[in-house]
Protein backbone atom coordinates (compact mmCIF):
# COMPACT_ATOMS: atom_id res chain seq x y z
CA MET A 1 83.44 118.46 -257.58
CA PHE A 2 80.14 118.61 -259.45
CA PHE A 3 78.01 116.85 -256.81
CA HIS A 4 77.78 116.55 -253.03
CA LEU A 5 78.70 112.88 -252.66
CA TYR A 6 79.84 112.30 -249.12
CA GLY A 7 78.57 111.42 -245.69
CA GLU A 8 76.38 108.58 -244.53
CA THR A 9 74.22 108.52 -247.69
CA SER A 10 77.05 108.39 -250.23
CA VAL A 11 76.85 104.59 -250.53
CA TYR A 12 73.12 104.84 -251.26
CA GLN A 13 73.70 107.62 -253.79
CA ILE A 14 76.21 105.51 -255.73
CA LEU A 15 74.01 102.43 -255.41
CA GLY A 16 71.04 104.43 -256.70
CA TRP A 17 73.05 105.52 -259.74
CA VAL A 18 74.07 101.93 -260.51
CA LEU A 19 70.47 100.72 -260.16
CA VAL A 20 69.13 103.46 -262.46
CA PHE A 21 71.84 102.85 -265.07
CA ALA A 22 71.37 99.07 -265.06
CA GLY A 23 67.59 99.37 -264.96
CA LEU A 24 67.53 101.64 -268.01
CA VAL A 25 69.90 99.40 -269.98
CA ILE A 26 67.73 96.34 -269.22
CA ALA A 27 64.44 98.16 -269.88
CA ASN A 28 65.77 99.38 -273.23
CA GLU A 29 66.64 95.81 -274.20
CA LEU A 30 63.14 94.60 -273.28
CA ALA A 31 61.57 97.43 -275.29
CA ARG A 32 63.71 97.14 -278.42
CA ARG A 33 63.97 93.37 -278.95
CA THR A 34 60.29 92.55 -279.56
CA LYS A 35 57.13 94.25 -280.80
CA ALA A 36 55.35 93.17 -277.62
CA GLY A 37 57.98 94.85 -275.47
CA GLY A 38 57.73 98.10 -277.43
CA ILE A 39 53.92 98.10 -277.37
CA PHE A 40 53.93 97.51 -273.60
CA PHE A 41 56.42 100.28 -272.76
CA PHE A 42 55.25 102.87 -275.28
CA GLY A 43 51.59 102.02 -275.72
CA ILE A 44 50.03 100.37 -272.68
CA VAL A 45 52.06 102.08 -269.93
CA PRO A 46 51.66 105.66 -271.35
CA LEU A 47 47.90 105.08 -271.77
CA ALA A 48 47.57 104.00 -268.15
CA LEU A 49 49.67 106.96 -267.00
CA THR A 50 47.59 109.40 -269.05
CA ILE A 51 44.46 108.24 -267.25
CA TYR A 52 46.30 108.60 -263.95
CA PHE A 53 47.51 112.13 -264.80
CA ILE A 54 44.00 113.24 -265.78
CA VAL A 55 42.48 111.89 -262.57
CA ILE A 56 45.04 113.49 -260.23
CA ASN A 57 44.85 116.84 -262.03
CA ILE A 58 41.07 116.83 -261.69
CA GLY A 59 41.56 116.23 -257.98
CA ALA A 60 44.53 118.56 -257.58
CA ASN A 61 42.60 120.84 -255.20
CA SER A 62 40.98 118.04 -253.24
CA PHE A 63 41.82 114.34 -252.94
CA ALA A 64 45.07 114.58 -254.96
CA LYS A 65 46.45 117.81 -253.50
CA ASP A 66 49.30 115.93 -251.79
CA ASN A 67 49.95 113.54 -254.67
CA PRO A 68 53.73 113.43 -255.37
CA THR A 69 53.26 114.07 -259.10
CA ILE A 70 51.06 117.11 -258.43
CA VAL A 71 53.35 118.53 -255.76
CA GLU A 72 56.73 117.86 -257.35
CA MET A 73 56.40 117.11 -261.08
CA ASN A 74 53.43 119.06 -262.41
CA GLY A 75 55.36 121.61 -264.49
CA TRP A 76 54.97 121.90 -268.27
CA PHE A 77 58.47 120.66 -269.02
CA HIS A 78 58.13 117.20 -267.48
CA TYR A 79 54.87 116.41 -269.29
CA ALA A 80 56.19 117.79 -272.59
CA LYS A 81 59.36 115.71 -272.33
CA LEU A 82 57.52 112.52 -271.40
CA TYR A 83 55.05 112.68 -274.29
CA ALA A 84 57.54 113.98 -276.86
CA ALA A 85 59.90 111.10 -276.04
CA THR A 86 57.07 108.55 -276.13
CA ILE A 87 55.83 109.83 -279.50
CA GLY A 88 59.40 109.47 -280.74
CA CYS A 89 59.54 105.84 -279.58
CA VAL A 90 56.27 105.02 -281.34
CA GLY A 91 57.43 106.71 -284.55
CA PHE A 92 60.70 104.78 -284.43
CA MET A 93 58.72 101.53 -284.11
CA PHE A 94 56.75 102.44 -287.24
CA LEU A 95 60.02 102.95 -289.09
CA LYS A 96 61.89 99.87 -287.93
CA TYR A 97 58.91 97.50 -288.35
CA LYS A 98 57.66 99.31 -291.49
CA TRP A 99 54.14 99.46 -290.07
CA GLY A 100 51.44 100.71 -292.44
CA LYS A 101 52.02 103.10 -295.29
CA ILE A 102 53.68 105.72 -293.10
CA GLY A 103 56.37 103.29 -291.98
CA LYS A 104 57.36 102.65 -295.58
CA VAL A 105 57.27 106.09 -297.22
CA ASN A 106 60.58 107.86 -297.75
CA TRP A 107 59.54 111.26 -296.36
CA PHE A 108 58.77 109.74 -292.94
CA LYS A 109 62.45 108.87 -292.57
CA ALA A 110 62.93 112.51 -291.55
CA PHE A 111 60.70 111.91 -288.49
CA PRO A 112 63.63 111.04 -286.16
CA PHE A 113 65.28 114.37 -286.94
CA VAL A 114 62.02 116.27 -286.37
CA ILE A 115 61.21 114.62 -283.03
CA VAL A 116 64.76 114.95 -281.70
CA ALA A 117 64.83 118.61 -282.75
CA ILE A 118 61.53 119.19 -280.94
CA ASN A 119 62.90 117.55 -277.78
CA ILE A 120 66.02 119.72 -277.96
CA LEU A 121 63.95 122.88 -278.49
CA ILE A 122 61.83 122.04 -275.43
CA ALA A 123 65.04 122.00 -273.38
CA VAL A 124 66.32 125.17 -275.06
CA ALA A 125 63.08 126.97 -274.13
CA SER A 126 63.55 125.84 -270.52
CA ASP A 127 67.16 127.10 -270.55
CA PHE A 128 66.13 130.52 -271.82
CA GLU A 129 63.30 130.66 -269.27
CA SER A 130 65.83 130.08 -266.48
CA ALA A 131 68.18 132.72 -267.91
CA ILE A 132 65.43 135.34 -268.08
CA LYS A 133 64.30 134.69 -264.51
CA GLY A 134 67.88 134.60 -263.24
CA PHE A 135 68.67 137.92 -264.94
CA ALA A 136 65.49 139.43 -263.45
CA ASN A 137 66.60 138.51 -259.93
CA GLY A 138 70.35 139.01 -260.10
CA GLY A 139 71.43 140.68 -263.32
CA PHE A 140 73.96 139.23 -265.78
CA ALA A 141 75.79 137.37 -262.99
CA GLY A 142 72.64 135.33 -262.38
CA GLY A 143 70.11 134.94 -259.63
CA TRP A 144 67.91 132.54 -257.71
CA TRP A 145 64.35 131.69 -258.74
CA TYR A 146 61.79 129.19 -257.50
CA SER A 147 60.46 126.76 -260.12
CA SER A 148 56.91 125.40 -260.35
CA GLU A 149 58.25 122.02 -259.19
CA GLY A 150 59.50 123.54 -255.95
CA VAL A 151 63.21 123.70 -256.76
CA MET A 152 65.56 126.63 -256.25
CA LEU A 153 67.37 127.29 -259.56
CA TYR A 154 70.19 129.70 -260.29
CA GLY A 155 69.74 131.11 -263.78
CA GLY A 156 72.31 133.18 -265.64
CA TRP A 157 74.53 133.55 -268.70
CA TRP A 158 75.38 129.84 -268.61
CA ASN A 159 71.77 129.10 -269.58
CA VAL A 160 72.08 131.34 -272.61
CA LEU A 161 75.27 129.58 -273.70
CA ASN A 162 73.73 126.17 -273.25
CA GLY A 163 70.54 127.19 -275.03
CA LEU A 164 72.66 128.24 -278.01
CA ALA A 165 74.59 124.96 -277.77
CA GLY A 166 71.28 123.11 -278.03
CA ILE A 167 70.32 125.00 -281.18
CA ILE A 168 73.74 124.23 -282.71
CA ASN A 169 73.30 120.58 -281.72
CA ILE A 170 70.21 120.38 -283.93
CA PHE A 171 72.38 121.27 -286.93
CA CYS A 172 74.86 118.56 -285.94
CA MET A 173 72.31 115.91 -286.93
CA THR A 174 73.19 114.83 -290.48
CA GLY A 175 71.87 112.39 -293.06
CA TRP A 176 68.21 112.91 -292.12
CA TRP A 177 66.95 110.36 -294.63
CA GLY A 178 69.62 107.76 -293.82
CA ILE A 179 67.32 105.69 -291.60
CA TYR A 180 67.36 101.87 -291.75
CA SER A 181 65.98 98.80 -290.03
CA SER A 182 68.39 96.25 -288.63
CA LYS A 183 68.72 92.87 -290.32
CA LYS A 184 68.06 90.93 -287.13
CA LYS A 185 64.27 90.75 -286.81
CA GLN A 186 64.05 94.51 -287.39
CA GLN A 187 64.98 94.96 -283.72
CA ASP A 188 66.48 98.39 -284.23
CA MET A 189 65.97 101.60 -286.11
CA LEU A 190 69.44 102.63 -287.25
CA TRP A 191 70.77 106.11 -288.00
CA PRO A 192 74.36 105.35 -289.11
CA ASP A 193 75.34 108.98 -289.71
CA MET A 194 74.70 109.74 -286.05
CA THR A 195 78.24 108.78 -285.06
CA TRP A 196 80.24 109.24 -281.86
CA GLN A 197 80.84 112.91 -282.71
CA PHE A 198 77.17 113.80 -282.46
CA ILE A 199 76.65 111.52 -279.47
CA ILE A 200 79.39 113.25 -277.46
CA ALA A 201 78.15 116.71 -278.48
CA TYR A 202 74.60 115.78 -277.48
CA ASP A 203 75.58 114.11 -274.20
CA VAL A 204 77.67 117.07 -273.04
CA TRP A 205 74.96 119.56 -274.03
CA ASN A 206 72.19 117.53 -272.39
CA PHE A 207 74.17 116.94 -269.22
CA ALA A 208 74.70 120.70 -269.04
CA TYR A 209 70.96 121.20 -269.54
CA THR A 210 70.04 118.89 -266.68
CA TYR A 211 72.75 120.31 -264.43
CA LEU A 212 71.47 123.86 -264.97
CA ASN A 213 67.73 123.27 -264.98
CA LEU A 214 67.10 119.99 -263.17
CA PRO A 215 69.96 120.21 -260.65
CA ASN A 216 68.48 117.89 -258.02
CA HIS A 217 67.86 115.26 -260.73
CA SER A 218 71.04 115.59 -262.78
CA TRP A 219 72.94 112.80 -260.99
CA TYR A 220 70.41 110.42 -262.52
CA CYS A 221 68.85 112.06 -265.60
CA GLY A 222 72.11 113.84 -266.43
CA LEU A 223 74.58 110.97 -266.00
CA ALA A 224 72.88 107.57 -265.70
CA LEU A 225 70.21 108.35 -268.29
CA LEU A 226 72.68 109.72 -270.82
CA LEU A 227 75.27 106.99 -270.38
CA ALA A 228 72.80 104.08 -270.68
CA PRO A 229 72.05 104.55 -274.43
CA THR A 230 75.66 105.51 -275.17
CA PHE A 231 76.84 102.31 -273.44
CA ALA A 232 74.48 100.16 -275.54
CA ASN A 233 75.49 101.92 -278.77
CA THR A 234 79.18 101.45 -278.00
CA PHE A 235 79.13 97.74 -277.19
CA TRP A 236 76.30 95.95 -279.03
CA ASN A 237 73.82 98.27 -280.74
CA LYS A 238 75.95 100.32 -283.14
CA GLY A 239 73.86 102.84 -285.04
CA GLY A 240 70.93 102.47 -282.66
CA TRP A 241 71.84 105.29 -280.29
CA ILE A 242 68.87 107.52 -281.06
CA GLN A 243 66.45 104.65 -280.51
CA ASN A 244 68.25 103.75 -277.27
CA ARG A 245 68.07 107.39 -276.19
CA ALA A 246 64.36 107.78 -276.91
CA ASN A 247 63.49 104.49 -275.19
CA THR A 248 65.45 105.18 -272.02
CA LEU A 249 64.30 108.81 -271.86
CA ALA A 250 60.62 107.89 -272.14
CA ILE A 251 60.92 105.08 -269.58
CA TRP A 252 62.81 107.30 -267.15
CA CYS A 253 60.29 110.15 -267.52
CA MET A 254 57.44 107.75 -266.72
CA PHE A 255 59.20 106.53 -263.59
CA ALA A 256 60.27 110.00 -262.45
CA GLN A 257 56.80 111.45 -262.99
CA VAL A 258 55.18 108.86 -260.74
CA VAL A 259 57.97 108.27 -258.19
CA PRO A 260 59.64 111.69 -257.80
CA MET A 261 60.54 111.01 -254.18
CA PHE A 262 63.37 108.71 -255.35
CA GLN A 263 65.32 111.72 -256.62
CA ASN A 264 63.85 114.47 -254.49
CA HIS A 265 63.77 113.25 -250.90
CA SER A 266 65.29 109.91 -250.10
CA VAL A 267 68.67 108.45 -249.22
CA PHE A 268 69.30 108.37 -252.99
CA THR A 269 68.92 112.14 -253.44
CA VAL A 270 72.03 113.93 -254.75
CA LEU A 271 72.48 117.70 -254.89
CA PRO A 272 75.00 119.46 -257.16
CA SER A 273 77.74 121.78 -255.98
CA LEU A 274 75.61 124.78 -257.03
CA TYR A 275 74.04 124.53 -253.57
CA LYS A 276 77.05 125.70 -251.56
CA ASP A 277 75.52 124.57 -248.27
CA PRO A 278 73.24 121.61 -249.07
CA GLU A 279 71.75 121.80 -245.58
CA LEU A 280 69.92 124.97 -246.67
CA PHE A 281 68.12 123.02 -249.38
CA LYS A 282 66.75 120.10 -247.47
CA VAL A 283 63.33 119.09 -248.74
CA GLY A 284 60.16 119.91 -246.88
CA THR A 285 57.42 117.58 -245.72
CA ASN A 286 55.90 117.50 -249.22
CA GLY A 287 59.22 116.60 -250.79
CA VAL A 288 59.98 120.00 -252.28
CA MET A 289 62.60 122.56 -251.44
CA GLN A 290 61.50 125.51 -249.38
CA ASP A 291 60.96 128.75 -251.29
CA LEU A 292 64.10 130.62 -250.25
CA SER A 293 64.02 133.16 -253.08
CA GLN A 294 63.60 136.07 -250.68
CA THR A 295 66.43 135.07 -248.36
CA LEU A 296 69.11 133.49 -250.56
CA THR A 297 71.91 135.62 -251.97
CA ALA A 298 74.66 135.07 -254.52
CA ALA A 299 76.90 134.00 -251.64
CA ASP A 300 74.74 130.89 -251.21
CA ALA A 301 75.44 129.73 -254.77
CA ASN A 302 78.48 128.12 -256.34
CA PRO A 303 77.72 128.41 -260.10
CA LYS A 304 81.32 127.81 -261.23
CA ALA A 305 80.57 124.27 -262.41
CA GLN A 306 77.50 125.55 -264.27
CA GLY A 307 79.65 127.98 -266.24
CA ILE A 308 82.35 125.40 -267.00
CA ILE A 309 79.85 122.81 -268.28
CA ALA A 310 77.96 125.36 -270.40
CA ILE A 311 81.19 126.58 -272.01
CA ALA A 312 82.21 122.97 -272.72
CA ALA A 313 78.81 122.26 -274.27
CA ILE A 314 78.90 125.13 -276.74
CA ALA A 315 82.59 124.60 -277.56
CA ILE A 316 82.12 120.90 -278.37
CA ASN A 317 79.01 121.53 -280.45
CA VAL A 318 80.74 124.28 -282.44
CA LEU A 319 83.69 121.97 -283.12
CA VAL A 320 81.44 119.14 -284.31
CA LEU A 321 79.42 121.47 -286.55
CA CYS A 322 82.61 122.91 -288.06
CA ASN A 323 83.83 119.38 -288.80
CA ILE A 324 80.51 118.56 -290.47
CA ILE A 325 80.75 121.69 -292.64
CA LYS A 326 84.34 120.80 -293.55
CA LYS A 327 83.41 117.22 -294.52
CA ALA A 328 80.39 118.36 -296.49
CA LYS A 329 82.48 120.83 -298.49
CA GLU A 330 85.15 118.21 -299.19
CA GLN A 331 82.53 115.76 -300.45
CA LYS A 332 80.46 118.46 -302.18
CA ILE A 333 77.24 117.24 -300.56
CA ASN A 334 74.33 118.60 -298.53
CA PRO A 335 75.04 117.20 -295.04
CA TYR A 336 71.33 116.90 -294.26
CA LYS A 337 70.22 115.23 -297.49
CA GLN A 338 73.27 113.00 -297.77
CA GLU A 339 75.33 111.07 -295.24
CA VAL A 340 78.53 112.82 -294.19
CA PHE A 341 80.35 110.11 -292.26
CA LYS A 342 80.50 107.36 -294.88
CA GLY A 343 83.81 105.53 -294.62
CA THR A 344 84.24 106.09 -290.89
CA ARG A 345 84.32 103.06 -288.60
CA ASP A 346 81.15 103.98 -286.70
CA PHE A 347 79.19 104.50 -289.90
CA GLU A 348 80.35 101.31 -291.59
CA GLU A 349 79.73 99.17 -288.48
CA ALA A 350 76.18 100.49 -288.27
CA MET A 351 75.57 99.98 -292.01
CA ALA A 352 76.74 96.37 -291.71
CA ARG A 353 73.68 95.83 -289.47
CA ALA A 354 71.18 97.47 -291.85
CA GLU A 355 68.82 95.18 -293.76
CA ASP A 356 68.15 97.57 -296.65
CA ALA A 357 71.63 99.08 -297.09
CA ALA A 358 72.64 99.66 -300.71
């Protein structure tokens, strides 16, 4: 089992997952269907949060020292992810609505690739950071370390594998300039060449990332958050996965940054099987795990699932990249300048929605 789902809180844990999944699907629909919705979620809300973040960081040593964001979510990764995802959402709105000159020029169609690659590299850097600290404390087999957000992590070779899987995943993005607006009121930015193959490779890699580096959040940001955009892409928004992903990621990061207690210390909290005895990792009064780095040993960890998921992530990404290379050679094309998956069902269904398809 990947997670500790049992006992008196199991019903709340499953309910929490359903609420997060449904909430993200609904929020994505509100954000994507109208300009007003997009401006609210990715303009007004981030501006208000930025003011809030500045104020609490100014008061971090005084009036805001016990603020949940300061105590539990003040590490570099969470801020980087929130703003990188939000910038992506704004850029996607420029493309789908063709706002200004930048929304119409051909070179800006490569923006989705650039912003997704940046987001992946942020996660890769975090993976390698965990590997280095795990090696420092326990050698190649891995070791415990205490993160700036107050979470005990177990870094090791699995982080290296997953970091490499993330780098490979960047090269699995094809047809960089194949970006379109949807016919229906320009509701969606479409990337037809981003088919189910990439989506699966990305989802497995990103779930592995969250499981290894955000273990106490991965039930939500690893499963619910990843499945919400994939669900929408599968059933009614074909070709719009990357927009769905950016929207739901940004919205989730905003919520998690302000209300970390939902994941960290409530009846909805879910810990992974890494923590062999979850009772050792109960949160403290400030909602963070106790620093147990001096007392925990390898016997307190169960990293088997971490290794399995990391191996799956790199294996799937290698397979997808090999298929892309094979298709590109068969068609005698550059897989990044041209679209590789023309003729496949996913691609053609997405193109049928595009307003400016040839």
